[in-house]
PDB file of N, CA and C in Angstrom:
ATOM      1  N   MET A   1     -30.864 -10.149  20.723  1.00  0.00           N
ATOM      2  CA  MET A   1     -31.424  -9.805  19.503  1.00  0.00           C
ATOM      3  C   MET A   1     -30.841  -8.563  20.148  1.00  0.00           C
ATOM      4  N   ALA A   2     -30.248  -8.040  18.998  1.00  0.00           N
ATOM      5  CA  ALA A   2     -29.657  -6.094  19.177  1.00  0.00           C
ATOM      6  C   ALA A   2     -30.613  -5.077  19.222  1.00  0.00           C
ATOM      7  N   THR A   3     -30.893  -4.390  19.646  1.00  0.00           N
ATOM      8  CA  THR A   3     -32.017  -3.288  19.478  1.00  0.00           C
ATOM      9  C   THR A   3     -31.049  -2.235  18.729  1.00  0.00           C
ATOM     10  N   ILE A   4     -32.099  -1.121  17.745  1.00  0.00           N
ATOM     11  CA  ILE A   4     -31.703  -0.230  17.057  1.00  0.00           C
ATOM     12  C   ILE A   4     -31.922   1.149  17.886  1.00  0.00           C
ATOM     13  N   GLU A   5     -31.167   1.923  18.265  1.00  0.00           N
ATOM     14  CA  GLU A   5     -31.332   2.979  19.135  1.00  0.00           C
ATOM     15  C   GLU A   5     -31.758   4.021  17.919  1.00  0.00           C
ATOM     16  N   VAL A   6     -32.884   4.665  18.496  1.00  0.00           N
ATOM     17  CA  VAL A   6     -33.434   6.028  17.420  1.00  0.00           C
ATOM     18  C   VAL A   6     -32.790   7.291  17.677  1.00  0.00           C
ATOM     19  N   ARG A   7     -32.045   7.414  17.014  1.00  0.00           N
ATOM     20  CA  ARG A   7     -31.303   9.400  17.535  1.00  0.00           C
ATOM     21  C   ARG A   7     -32.217  10.184  16.536  1.00  0.00           C
ATOM     22  N   SER A   8     -32.108  11.117  17.450  1.00  0.00           N
ATOM     23  CA  SER A   8     -32.697  12.811  16.568  1.00  0.00           C
ATOM     24  C   SER A   8     -31.911  12.758  15.572  1.00  0.00           C
ATOM     25  N   GLU A   9     -32.302  13.681  14.700  1.00  0.00           N
ATOM     26  CA  GLU A   9     -31.066  14.322  13.432  1.00  0.00           C
ATOM     27  C   GLU A   9     -30.079  14.737  13.786  1.00  0.00           C
ATOM     28  N   GLU A  10     -30.360  15.992  15.082  1.00  0.00           N
ATOM     29  CA  GLU A  10     -29.171  16.375  15.642  1.00  0.00           C
ATOM     30  C   GLU A  10     -28.244  15.903  16.324  1.00  0.00           C
ATOM     31  N   ASP A  11     -28.317  14.348  16.805  1.00  0.00           N
ATOM     32  CA  ASP A  11     -27.782  13.239  17.420  1.00  0.00           C
ATOM     33  C   ASP A  11     -26.783  13.040  16.229  1.00  0.00           C
ATOM     34  N   ILE A  12     -27.480  12.116  15.097  1.00  0.00           N
ATOM     35  CA  ILE A  12     -26.787  12.014  13.862  1.00  0.00           C
ATOM     36  C   ILE A  12     -26.154  12.686  13.238  1.00  0.00           C
ATOM     37  N   ILE A  13     -26.728  14.409  13.151  1.00  0.00           N
ATOM     38  CA  ILE A  13     -25.362  15.494  12.591  1.00  0.00           C
ATOM     39  C   ILE A  13     -24.126  15.417  13.540  1.00  0.00           C
ATOM     40  N   ARG A  14     -24.469  15.563  15.032  1.00  0.00           N
ATOM     41  CA  ARG A  14     -23.636  15.600  15.688  1.00  0.00           C
ATOM     42  C   ARG A  14     -22.235  14.270  15.528  1.00  0.00           C
ATOM     43  N   LEU A  15     -22.749  13.231  15.331  1.00  0.00           N
ATOM     44  CA  LEU A  15     -21.862  12.044  15.230  1.00  0.00           C
ATOM     45  C   LEU A  15     -21.408  12.059  14.145  1.00  0.00           C
ATOM     46  N   GLY A  16     -21.548  12.547  12.832  1.00  0.00           N
ATOM     47  CA  GLY A  16     -21.260  12.533  11.380  1.00  0.00           C
ATOM     48  C   GLY A  16     -20.329  13.486  11.647  1.00  0.00           C
ATOM     49  N   THR A  17     -20.471  14.405  12.474  1.00  0.00           N
ATOM     50  CA  THR A  17     -19.640  15.589  12.368  1.00  0.00           C
ATOM     51  C   THR A  17     -18.343  14.937  13.224  1.00  0.00           C
ATOM     52  N   ASP A  18     -18.832  14.433  13.996  1.00  0.00           N
ATOM     53  CA  ASP A  18     -17.591  13.910  15.097  1.00  0.00           C
ATOM     54  C   ASP A  18     -16.617  12.898  14.305  1.00  0.00           C
ATOM     55  N   TYR A  19     -17.431  12.078  13.659  1.00  0.00           N
ATOM     56  CA  TYR A  19     -16.588  10.680  12.401  1.00  0.00           C
ATOM     57  C   TYR A  19     -15.931  11.807  11.783  1.00  0.00           C
ATOM     58  N   ALA A  20     -16.560  12.769  10.825  1.00  0.00           N
ATOM     59  CA  ALA A  20     -15.851  13.289  10.150  1.00  0.00           C
ATOM     60  C   ALA A  20     -14.356  13.971  10.790  1.00  0.00           C
ATOM     61  N   LEU A  21     -14.403  14.688  11.746  1.00  0.00           N
ATOM     62  CA  LEU A  21     -13.635  15.638  12.454  1.00  0.00           C
ATOM     63  C   LEU A  21     -12.411  14.321  12.398  1.00  0.00           C
ATOM     64  N   ARG A  22     -12.970  13.312  13.244  1.00  0.00           N
ATOM     65  CA  ARG A  22     -11.633  12.086  13.481  1.00  0.00           C
ATOM     66  C   ARG A  22     -10.827  11.745  12.381  1.00  0.00           C
ATOM     67  N   ILE A  23     -11.855  11.316  11.358  1.00  0.00           N
ATOM     68  CA  ILE A  23     -11.455  11.071  10.205  1.00  0.00           C
ATOM     69  C   ILE A  23     -10.204  12.240   9.759  1.00  0.00           C
ATOM     70  N   LEU A  24     -10.690  13.598   9.531  1.00  0.00           N
ATOM     71  CA  LEU A  24      -9.733  14.200   9.012  1.00  0.00           C
ATOM     72  C   LEU A  24      -8.485  14.531   9.716  1.00  0.00           C
ATOM     73  N   GLU A  25      -8.660  14.309  10.921  1.00  0.00           N
ATOM     74  CA  GLU A  25      -7.214  14.522  11.637  1.00  0.00           C
ATOM     75  C   GLU A  25      -6.506  13.514  11.403  1.00  0.00           C
ATOM     76  N   ILE A  26      -6.787  12.299  11.060  1.00  0.00           N
ATOM     77  CA  ILE A  26      -5.798  11.164  10.877  1.00  0.00           C
ATOM     78  C   ILE A  26      -5.690  11.112   9.537  1.00  0.00           C
ATOM     79  N   GLN A  27      -6.242  11.959   8.507  1.00  0.00           N
ATOM     80  CA  GLN A  27      -5.719  12.390   7.697  1.00  0.00           C
ATOM     81  C   GLN A  27      -4.687  13.481   7.140  1.00  0.00           C
ATOM     82  N   LYS A  28      -4.983  14.149   8.059  1.00  0.00           N
ATOM     83  CA  LYS A  28      -3.491  15.040   8.608  1.00  0.00           C
ATOM     84  C   LYS A  28      -2.352  14.880   8.726  1.00  0.00           C
ATOM     85  N   GLN A  29      -2.267  13.928   9.879  1.00  0.00           N
ATOM     86  CA  GLN A  29      -1.467  13.106  10.366  1.00  0.00           C
ATOM     87  C   GLN A  29      -0.904  12.307   9.308  1.00  0.00           C
ATOM     88  N   ILE A  30      -1.490  11.593   8.294  1.00  0.00           N
ATOM     89  CA  ILE A  30      -1.091  10.756   7.175  1.00  0.00           C
ATOM     90  C   ILE A  30      -0.297  12.048   5.878  1.00  0.00           C
ATOM     91  N   ALA A  31      -0.709  12.719   5.769  1.00  0.00           N
ATOM     92  CA  ALA A  31      -0.086  13.749   4.886  1.00  0.00           C
ATOM     93  C   ALA A  31       1.036  14.505   5.543  1.00  0.00           C
ATOM     94  N   GLU A  32       0.928  14.627   6.956  1.00  0.00           N
ATOM     95  CA  GLU A  32       2.340  15.202   7.479  1.00  0.00           C
ATOM     96  C   GLU A  32       3.352  14.070   7.604  1.00  0.00           C
ATOM     97  N   ALA A  33       2.960  12.885   7.582  1.00  0.00           N
ATOM     98  CA  ALA A  33       4.013  11.718   7.796  1.00  0.00           C
ATOM     99  C   ALA A  33       4.513  11.611   6.432  1.00  0.00           C
ATOM    100  N   GLN A  34       3.638  11.841   5.225  1.00  0.00           N
ATOM    101  CA  GLN A  34       4.160  11.667   3.968  1.00  0.00           C
ATOM    102  C   GLN A  34       4.939  12.959   3.575  1.00  0.00           C
ATOM    103  N   ALA A  35       4.814  14.010   4.089  1.00  0.00           N
ATOM    104  CA  ALA A  35       5.859  15.083   3.947  1.00  0.00           C
ATOM    105  C   ALA A  35       6.954  14.741   4.519  1.00  0.00           C
ATOM    106  N   ASP A  36       7.238  14.331   5.556  1.00  0.00           N
ATOM    107  CA  ASP A  36       7.912  14.257   6.536  1.00  0.00           C
ATOM    108  C   ASP A  36       9.163  12.736   5.696  1.00  0.00           C
ATOM    109  N   ILE A  37       8.314  11.853   5.074  1.00  0.00           N
ATOM    110  CA  ILE A  37       8.837  10.859   4.542  1.00  0.00           C
ATOM    111  C   ILE A  37       9.600  11.310   2.945  1.00  0.00           C
ATOM    112  N   LYS A  38       8.878  12.431   2.353  1.00  0.00           N
ATOM    113  CA  LYS A  38       9.811  12.819   1.263  1.00  0.00           C
ATOM    114  C   LYS A  38      10.953  13.615   1.588  1.00  0.00           C
ATOM    115  N   VAL A  39      10.796  14.344   2.715  1.00  0.00           N
ATOM    116  CA  VAL A  39      12.375  14.806   2.911  1.00  0.00           C
ATOM    117  C   VAL A  39      13.343  13.849   3.444  1.00  0.00           C
ATOM    118  N   ILE A  40      12.864  13.035   4.417  1.00  0.00           N
ATOM    119  CA  ILE A  40      13.463  11.964   4.344  1.00  0.00           C
ATOM    120  C   ILE A  40      14.369  11.072   3.563  1.00  0.00           C
ATOM    121  N   LYS A  41      13.958  11.220   2.151  1.00  0.00           N
ATOM    122  CA  LYS A  41      14.078  10.641   0.935  1.00  0.00           C
ATOM    123  C   LYS A  41      14.523  11.057   0.115  1.00  0.00           C
ATOM    124  N   THR A  42      14.578  12.316   0.227  1.00  0.00           N
ATOM    125  CA  THR A  42      15.458  13.702  -0.319  1.00  0.00           C
ATOM    126  C   THR A  42      16.461  13.239   0.279  1.00  0.00           C
ATOM    127  N   ASP A  43      17.071  13.521   1.451  1.00  0.00           N
ATOM    128  CA  ASP A  43      18.203  13.738   2.132  1.00  0.00           C
ATOM    129  C   ASP A  43      19.161  12.249   2.006  1.00  0.00           C
ATOM    130  N   ALA A  44      18.681  11.385   1.732  1.00  0.00           N
ATOM    131  CA  ALA A  44      18.832   9.875   1.635  1.00  0.00           C
ATOM    132  C   ALA A  44      19.339  10.154   0.273  1.00  0.00           C
ATOM    133  N   LYS A  45      18.748  10.443  -0.669  1.00  0.00           N
ATOM    134  CA  LYS A  45      19.204  10.305  -1.758  1.00  0.00           C
ATOM    135  C   LYS A  45      20.200  11.365  -2.351  1.00  0.00           C
ATOM    136  N   LEU A  46      20.690  12.550  -1.714  1.00  0.00           N
ATOM    137  CA  LEU A  46      21.752  13.471  -1.560  1.00  0.00           C
ATOM    138  C   LEU A  46      22.666  12.776  -0.875  1.00  0.00           C
ATOM    139  N   ASP A  47      22.547  11.920   0.009  1.00  0.00           N
ATOM    140  CA  ASP A  47      23.764  11.149   0.549  1.00  0.00           C
ATOM    141  C   ASP A  47      24.264  10.057  -0.082  1.00  0.00           C
ATOM    142  N   GLY A  48      23.506   9.780  -1.307  1.00  0.00           N
ATOM    143  CA  GLY A  48      24.158   8.663  -2.185  1.00  0.00           C
ATOM    144  C   GLY A  48      23.446   7.368  -1.781  1.00  0.00           C
ATOM    145  N   VAL A  49      22.247   7.378  -1.034  1.00  0.00           N
ATOM    146  CA  VAL A  49      21.551   5.760  -0.838  1.00  0.00           C
ATOM    147  C   VAL A  49      20.582   5.743  -2.092  1.00  0.00           C
ATOM    148  N   PRO A  50      20.659   4.069  -2.264  1.00  0.00           N
ATOM    149  CA  PRO A  50      20.003   4.100  -3.589  1.00  0.00           C
ATOM    150  C   PRO A  50      18.326   3.576  -2.941  1.00  0.00           C
ATOM    151  N   VAL A  51      17.437   5.041  -2.731  1.00  0.00           N
ATOM    152  CA  VAL A  51      16.691   4.910  -1.961  1.00  0.00           C
ATOM    153  C   VAL A  51      15.238   3.696  -2.868  1.00  0.00           C
ATOM    154  N   GLY A  52      15.185   4.082  -3.947  1.00  0.00           N
ATOM    155  CA  GLY A  52      14.407   2.924  -4.566  1.00  0.00           C
ATOM    156  C   GLY A  52      14.881   1.547  -4.243  1.00  0.00           C
ATOM    157  N   LEU A  53      15.891   1.045  -4.625  1.00  0.00           N
ATOM    158  CA  LEU A  53      16.143  -0.273  -4.198  1.00  0.00           C
ATOM    159  C   LEU A  53      16.252  -0.790  -2.656  1.00  0.00           C
ATOM    160  N   VAL A  54      16.358   0.253  -1.543  1.00  0.00           N
ATOM    161  CA  VAL A  54      15.856   0.240  -0.409  1.00  0.00           C
ATOM    162  C   VAL A  54      14.708  -0.135  -0.194  1.00  0.00           C
ATOM    163  N   ASN A  55      13.721   0.814  -0.584  1.00  0.00           N
ATOM    164  CA  ASN A  55      12.162   0.635  -0.767  1.00  0.00           C
ATOM    165  C   ASN A  55      11.813  -0.941  -1.033  1.00  0.00           C
ATOM    166  N   LYS A  56      12.387  -1.194  -2.164  1.00  0.00           N
ATOM    167  CA  LYS A  56      11.855  -2.393  -2.714  1.00  0.00           C
ATOM    168  C   LYS A  56      12.272  -3.718  -1.717  1.00  0.00           C
ATOM    169  N   ALA A  57      13.062  -3.480  -1.273  1.00  0.00           N
ATOM    170  CA  ALA A  57      13.796  -4.331  -0.494  1.00  0.00           C
ATOM    171  C   ALA A  57      12.958  -4.584   0.501  1.00  0.00           C
ATOM    172  N   LEU A  58      12.495  -3.473   1.170  1.00  0.00           N
ATOM    173  CA  LEU A  58      11.620  -3.370   2.935  1.00  0.00           C
ATOM    174  C   LEU A  58      10.293  -4.004   2.107  1.00  0.00           C
ATOM    175  N   ALA A  59       9.726  -3.554   0.754  1.00  0.00           N
ATOM    176  CA  ALA A  59       8.656  -3.988   0.557  1.00  0.00           C
ATOM    177  C   ALA A  59       8.416  -5.356   0.418  1.00  0.00           C
ATOM    178  N   ARG A  60       9.462  -6.027  -0.383  1.00  0.00           N
ATOM    179  CA  ARG A  60       9.780  -7.390  -0.263  1.00  0.00           C
ATOM    180  C   ARG A  60       9.739  -8.325   1.095  1.00  0.00           C
ATOM    181  N   ILE A  61      10.501  -7.466   2.149  1.00  0.00           N
ATOM    182  CA  ILE A  61      10.790  -8.156   3.447  1.00  0.00           C
ATOM    183  C   ILE A  61       9.402  -7.954   3.861  1.00  0.00           C
ATOM    184  N   LYS A  62       8.409  -6.621   3.924  1.00  0.00           N
ATOM    185  CA  LYS A  62       7.275  -6.689   4.459  1.00  0.00           C
ATOM    186  C   LYS A  62       6.109  -7.791   3.848  1.00  0.00           C
ATOM    187  N   LYS A  63       6.093  -8.359   2.321  1.00  0.00           N
ATOM    188  CA  LYS A  63       5.065  -9.111   2.131  1.00  0.00           C
ATOM    189  C   LYS A  63       5.597 -10.494   2.656  1.00  0.00           C
ATOM    190  N   GLU A  64       7.332 -10.736   2.616  1.00  0.00           N
ATOM    191  CA  GLU A  64       7.315 -11.999   3.031  1.00  0.00           C
ATOM    192  C   GLU A  64       6.896 -12.387   4.317  1.00  0.00           C
ATOM    193  N   LEU A  65       6.754 -11.336   5.194  1.00  0.00           N
ATOM    194  CA  LEU A  65       6.255 -11.615   6.834  1.00  0.00           C
ATOM    195  C   LEU A  65       5.063 -11.175   6.874  1.00  0.00           C
ATOM    196  N   THR A  66       4.158 -10.955   5.366  1.00  0.00           N
ATOM    197  CA  THR A  66       3.013 -11.149   5.928  1.00  0.00           C
ATOM    198  C   THR A  66       2.306 -12.121   4.780  1.00  0.00           C
ATOM    199  N   GLN A  67       3.024 -12.791   4.038  1.00  0.00           N
ATOM    200  CA  GLN A  67       2.112 -13.782   3.211  1.00  0.00           C
ATOM    201  C   GLN A  67       2.208 -15.086   3.892  1.00  0.00           C
ATOM    202  N   SER A  68       0.990 -15.719   3.459  1.00  0.00           N
ATOM    203  CA  SER A  68       0.722 -17.031   4.166  1.00  0.00           C
ATOM    204  C   SER A  68       1.675 -17.795   3.226  1.00  0.00           C
ATOM    205  N   GLU A  69       2.126 -19.282   3.643  1.00  0.00           N
ATOM    206  CA  GLU A  69       2.606 -20.066   3.001  1.00  0.00           C
ATOM    207  C   GLU A  69       2.041 -20.385   1.957  1.00  0.00           C
ATOM    208  N   ALA A  70       0.972 -20.860   1.977  1.00  0.00           N
ATOM    209  CA  ALA A  70      -0.198 -21.019   0.707  1.00  0.00           C
ATOM    210  C   ALA A  70       0.050 -19.745  -0.704  1.00  0.00           C
ATOM    211  N   ASP A  71      -0.203 -19.036  -0.186  1.00  0.00           N
ATOM    212  CA  ASP A  71      -0.189 -17.774  -0.868  1.00  0.00           C
ATOM    213  C   ASP A  71       1.277 -17.415  -1.931  1.00  0.00           C
ATOM    214  N   LYS A  72       2.481 -17.989  -0.913  1.00  0.00           N
ATOM    215  CA  LYS A  72       3.680 -17.547  -1.187  1.00  0.00           C
ATOM    216  C   LYS A  72       3.586 -19.090  -2.643  1.00  0.00           C
ATOM    217  N   PHE A  73       3.043 -20.144  -1.995  1.00  0.00           N
ATOM    218  CA  PHE A  73       3.552 -20.923  -3.134  1.00  0.00           C
ATOM    219  C   PHE A  73       2.650 -21.191  -4.326  1.00  0.00           C
ATOM    220  N   GLU A  74       1.272 -20.724  -3.812  1.00  0.00           N
ATOM    221  CA  GLU A  74       0.127 -20.042  -5.095  1.00  0.00           C
ATOM    222  C   GLU A  74       1.143 -18.999  -6.158  1.00  0.00           C
ATOM    223  N   GLU A  75       1.874 -18.011  -5.440  1.00  0.00           N
ATOM    224  CA  GLU A  75       2.227 -16.876  -6.206  1.00  0.00           C
ATOM    225  C   GLU A  75       3.484 -17.690  -7.034  1.00  0.00           C
ATOM    226  N   GLU A  76       4.212 -18.398  -6.280  1.00  0.00           N
ATOM    227  CA  GLU A  76       5.716 -19.130  -7.247  1.00  0.00           C
ATOM    228  C   GLU A  76       5.001 -20.170  -8.460  1.00  0.00           C
ATOM    229  N   ALA A  77       3.838 -20.660  -8.310  1.00  0.00           N
ATOM    230  CA  ALA A  77       3.462 -21.401  -9.406  1.00  0.00           C
ATOM    231  C   ALA A  77       2.926 -20.261 -10.487  1.00  0.00           C
ATOM    232  N   TRP A  78       2.136 -19.389 -10.111  1.00  0.00           N
ATOM    233  CA  TRP A  78       1.888 -18.424 -11.418  1.00  0.00           C
ATOM    234  C   TRP A  78       3.429 -17.875 -11.570  1.00  0.00           C
ATOM    235  N   TYR A  79       4.087 -17.369 -11.154  1.00  0.00           N
ATOM    236  CA  TYR A  79       5.267 -17.081 -11.793  1.00  0.00           C
ATOM    237  C   TYR A  79       6.194 -18.181 -12.510  1.00  0.00           C
ATOM    238  N   GLU A  80       6.032 -19.122 -12.016  1.00  0.00           N
ATOM    239  CA  GLU A  80       6.642 -20.512 -12.710  1.00  0.00           C
ATOM    240  C   GLU A  80       6.169 -20.428 -14.501  1.00  0.00           C
ATOM    241  N   ALA A  81       4.765 -20.412 -14.008  1.00  0.00           N
ATOM    242  CA  ALA A  81       3.832 -20.611 -15.528  1.00  0.00           C
ATOM    243  C   ALA A  81       4.308 -19.417 -16.338  1.00  0.00           C
ATOM    244  N   MET A  82       3.849 -18.205 -15.736  1.00  0.00           N
ATOM    245  CA  MET A  82       4.167 -17.242 -16.876  1.00  0.00           C
ATOM    246  C   MET A  82       5.611 -17.067 -17.100  1.00  0.00           C
ATOM    247  N   MET A  83       6.747 -17.485 -16.686  1.00  0.00           N
ATOM    248  CA  MET A  83       7.775 -17.408 -17.074  1.00  0.00           C
ATOM    249  C   MET A  83       8.405 -18.222 -17.989  1.00  0.00           C
ATOM    250  N   GLU A  84       7.293 -19.574 -17.975  1.00  0.00           N
ATOM    251  CA  GLU A  84       7.639 -20.841 -19.083  1.00  0.00           C
ATOM    252  C   GLU A  84       6.782 -20.224 -20.432  1.00  0.00           C
ATOM    253  N   ASN A  85       5.874 -19.437 -20.269  1.00  0.00           N
ATOM    254  CA  ASN A  85       5.349 -18.767 -21.449  1.00  0.00           C
ATOM    255  C   ASN A  85       5.665 -18.010 -22.754  1.00  0.00           C
ATOM    256  N   THR A  86       6.254 -18.558 -23.915  1.00  0.00           N
ATOM    257  CA  THR A  86       6.972 -17.771 -24.636  1.00  0.00           C
ATOM    258  C   THR A  86       6.030 -16.559 -25.516  1.00  0.00           C
ATOM    259  N   ASP A  87       4.632 -16.923 -25.159  1.00  0.00           N
ATOM    260  CA  ASP A  87       3.955 -15.425 -26.145  1.00  0.00           C
ATOM    261  C   ASP A  87       3.840 -14.499 -25.014  1.00  0.00           C
ATOM    262  N   ILE A  88       3.885 -15.005 -23.391  1.00  0.00           N
ATOM    263  CA  ILE A  88       4.412 -13.659 -22.525  1.00  0.00           C
ATOM    264  C   ILE A  88       5.626 -13.242 -22.317  1.00  0.00           C
ATOM    265  N   ALA A  89       6.553 -14.268 -22.778  1.00  0.00           N
ATOM    266  CA  ALA A  89       7.828 -13.203 -22.848  1.00  0.00           C
ATOM    267  C   ALA A  89       8.121 -12.455 -23.761  1.00  0.00           C
ATOM    268  N   ASP A  90       7.656 -13.018 -25.208  1.00  0.00           N
ATOM    269  CA  ASP A  90       7.771 -11.986 -26.415  1.00  0.00           C
ATOM    270  C   ASP A  90       6.597 -10.977 -26.384  1.00  0.00           C
ATOM    271  N   LYS A  91       5.520 -11.207 -25.941  1.00  0.00           N
ATOM    272  CA  LYS A  91       4.570  -9.247 -25.332  1.00  0.00           C
ATOM    273  C   LYS A  91       5.579  -8.920 -24.113  1.00  0.00           C
ATOM    274  N   LEU A  92       6.620  -9.271 -23.149  1.00  0.00           N
ATOM    275  CA  LEU A  92       7.110  -8.418 -22.474  1.00  0.00           C
ATOM    276  C   LEU A  92       8.330  -7.812 -23.314  1.00  0.00           C
ATOM    277  N   ALA A  93       8.876  -8.329 -24.176  1.00  0.00           N
ATOM    278  CA  ALA A  93       9.999  -8.024 -24.054  1.00  0.00           C
ATOM    279  C   ALA A  93       9.760  -6.838 -25.542  1.00  0.00           C
ATOM    280  N   GLU A  94       8.158  -6.883 -26.232  1.00  0.00           N
ATOM    281  CA  GLU A  94       7.982  -5.838 -26.903  1.00  0.00           C
ATOM    282  C   GLU A  94       7.482  -4.680 -26.480  1.00  0.00           C
ATOM    283  N   ILE A  95       6.929  -4.591 -24.617  1.00  0.00           N
ATOM    284  CA  ILE A  95       6.768  -3.935 -24.033  1.00  0.00           C
ATOM    285  C   ILE A  95       7.930  -3.133 -23.627  1.00  0.00           C
ATOM    286  N   ASN A  96       8.844  -3.875 -23.115  1.00  0.00           N
ATOM    287  CA  ASN A  96      10.507  -2.904 -22.875  1.00  0.00           C
ATOM    288  C   ASN A  96      11.197  -2.416 -24.339  1.00  0.00           C
ATOM    289  N   ASN A  97      10.746  -3.112 -25.308  1.00  0.00           N
ATOM    290  CA  ASN A  97      11.800  -2.596 -26.395  1.00  0.00           C
ATOM    291  C   ASN A  97      10.611  -0.929 -26.939  1.00  0.00           C
ATOM    292  N   ILE A  98       9.287  -0.668 -26.724  1.00  0.00           N
ATOM    293  CA  ILE A  98       8.981   0.849 -26.650  1.00  0.00           C
ATOM    294  C   ILE A  98       9.687   1.572 -26.023  1.00  0.00           C
TER     295      ILE A  98
END
């Protein structure tokens, strides 16, 4: 059975601060990467790249590579059921005409 180590309030504050600083450093790195991505997207758009379509293709590839066969089958079954439902088709047509 695991034992729980009793820590002083000072230790807990230090550990909490260390944790917060590690998380904040990663969040900073994420923000910097997002800024870099934004610049790359802008440059690509200026070069005539259909950025939206390329991103959709990448997302689809990523999904295909990570989705299980069972999930693919279930998703396809739901897709077919929704496509065959005239109420859903009518509602989507209404939305697209707004």
